[in-house]
Amino acid sequence: MPITPDFTFPFEQQQKASLHNPTVVSQGLAKREFFVALTLQAILSNPQVSPAQFADPEQRQILISTAILLADETLQAMQGLVAVAEETDAAYAAN
């Protein structure tokens, strides 16, 4: 299984006790999943936010949707920064 840059924390582990499948490989979390988790953690760690606010399923859905939206916007911004950096590198290389 190839490890791609779209995932965080990939690993390959050799298991000494297993004869049938001695190698365990995982691509890890998708970057989107990782950023959603970090965003949820940041929102919930705010002292002005009470976990009791999310007792209602509709409020939990709003929280999750907000975390997904912020994570997607972060990833899009990062892709834009990478594109700008690549253009800058190409311009310097051309000179």
Protein backbone atom coordinates (compact mmCIF):
# COMPACT_ATOMS: atom_id res chain seq x y z
CA MET A 1 0.00 0.00 0.00
CA PRO A 2 1.68 3.24 -1.09
CA ILE A 3 1.78 6.02 1.45
CA THR A 4 0.58 9.30 -0.06
CA PRO A 5 0.97 12.88 1.19
CA ASP A 6 -2.82 13.14 1.57
CA PHE A 7 -2.63 11.25 4.85
CA THR A 8 -1.17 12.01 8.27
CA PHE A 9 0.71 9.61 10.54
CA PRO A 10 1.23 6.71 8.10
CA PHE A 11 3.03 3.69 9.51
CA GLU A 12 4.31 0.23 8.76
CA GLN A 13 4.92 -2.17 11.61
CA GLN A 14 6.48 -5.61 11.67
CA GLN A 15 4.69 -8.07 13.98
CA LYS A 16 6.96 -10.75 15.34
CA ALA A 17 4.15 -12.86 16.82
CA SER A 18 2.15 -13.23 13.57
CA LEU A 19 3.12 -15.85 11.00
CA HIS A 20 0.26 -15.19 8.56
CA ASN A 21 0.44 -11.42 8.26
CA PRO A 22 3.71 -10.14 9.72
CA THR A 23 3.39 -6.58 8.39
CA VAL A 24 0.71 -4.08 9.36
CA VAL A 25 0.44 -0.99 7.17
CA SER A 26 -1.88 1.97 7.62
CA GLN A 27 -2.11 5.17 5.63
CA GLY A 28 -3.27 6.91 8.80
CA LEU A 29 -5.92 9.59 8.90
CA ALA A 30 -6.86 11.61 5.86
CA LYS A 31 -5.71 15.20 6.24
CA ARG A 32 -9.36 16.29 6.24
CA GLU A 33 -10.19 13.93 9.13
CA PHE A 34 -7.17 15.17 11.05
CA PHE A 35 -8.05 18.84 10.58
CA VAL A 36 -11.70 18.22 11.52
CA ALA A 37 -10.55 16.55 14.75
CA LEU A 38 -8.19 19.45 15.54
CA THR A 39 -10.94 21.97 14.83
CA LEU A 40 -13.40 20.15 17.11
CA GLN A 41 -10.76 20.03 19.83
CA ALA A 42 -10.11 23.76 19.48
CA ILE A 43 -13.81 24.65 19.63
CA LEU A 44 -14.51 22.41 22.62
CA SER A 45 -11.43 23.58 24.53
CA ASN A 46 -12.71 27.17 24.48
CA PRO A 47 -13.66 27.98 28.10
CA GLN A 48 -16.67 29.95 26.85
CA VAL A 49 -18.10 26.80 25.24
CA SER A 50 -20.00 24.43 27.52
CA PRO A 51 -20.40 20.75 26.58
CA ALA A 52 -23.99 21.08 27.80
CA GLN A 53 -24.62 23.29 24.75
CA PHE A 54 -24.32 20.19 22.59
CA ALA A 55 -26.85 17.99 24.41
CA ASP A 56 -29.27 18.73 21.58
CA PRO A 57 -28.55 16.64 18.43
CA GLU A 58 -29.23 19.66 16.22
CA GLN A 59 -26.56 21.67 18.05
CA ARG A 60 -24.09 18.79 17.70
CA GLN A 61 -24.77 18.70 13.96
CA ILE A 62 -24.06 22.44 13.76
CA LEU A 63 -20.79 21.91 15.67
CA ILE A 64 -19.71 19.10 13.34
CA SER A 65 -20.70 21.03 10.20
CA THR A 66 -18.76 24.05 11.44
CA ALA A 67 -15.67 21.94 12.12
CA ILE A 68 -15.86 20.37 8.65
CA LEU A 69 -16.30 23.76 6.98
CA LEU A 70 -13.34 25.27 8.84
CA ALA A 71 -11.14 22.24 8.11
CA ASP A 72 -12.00 22.35 4.40
CA GLU A 73 -11.26 26.09 4.24
CA THR A 74 -7.93 25.51 6.01
CA LEU A 75 -6.93 22.80 3.55
CA GLN A 76 -7.93 24.98 0.58
CA ALA A 77 -5.88 27.88 1.94
CA MET A 78 -2.91 25.57 2.44
CA GLN A 79 -3.18 24.32 -1.15
CA GLY A 80 -3.20 27.92 -2.35
CA LEU A 81 -0.08 28.67 -0.31
CA VAL A 82 1.67 25.61 -1.74
CA ALA A 83 0.80 26.74 -5.28
CA VAL A 84 2.18 30.22 -4.59
CA ALA A 85 5.36 28.75 -3.09
CA GLU A 86 5.84 26.49 -6.12
CA GLU A 87 5.39 29.45 -8.48
CA THR A 88 7.90 31.47 -6.47
CA ASP A 89 10.40 28.61 -6.52
CA ALA A 90 9.97 28.25 -10.28
CA ALA A 91 10.50 32.01 -10.77
CA TYR A 92 13.70 31.94 -8.71
CA ALA A 93 14.94 28.87 -10.56
CA ALA A 94 14.33 30.57 -13.91
CA ASN A 95 16.48 33.58 -12.94
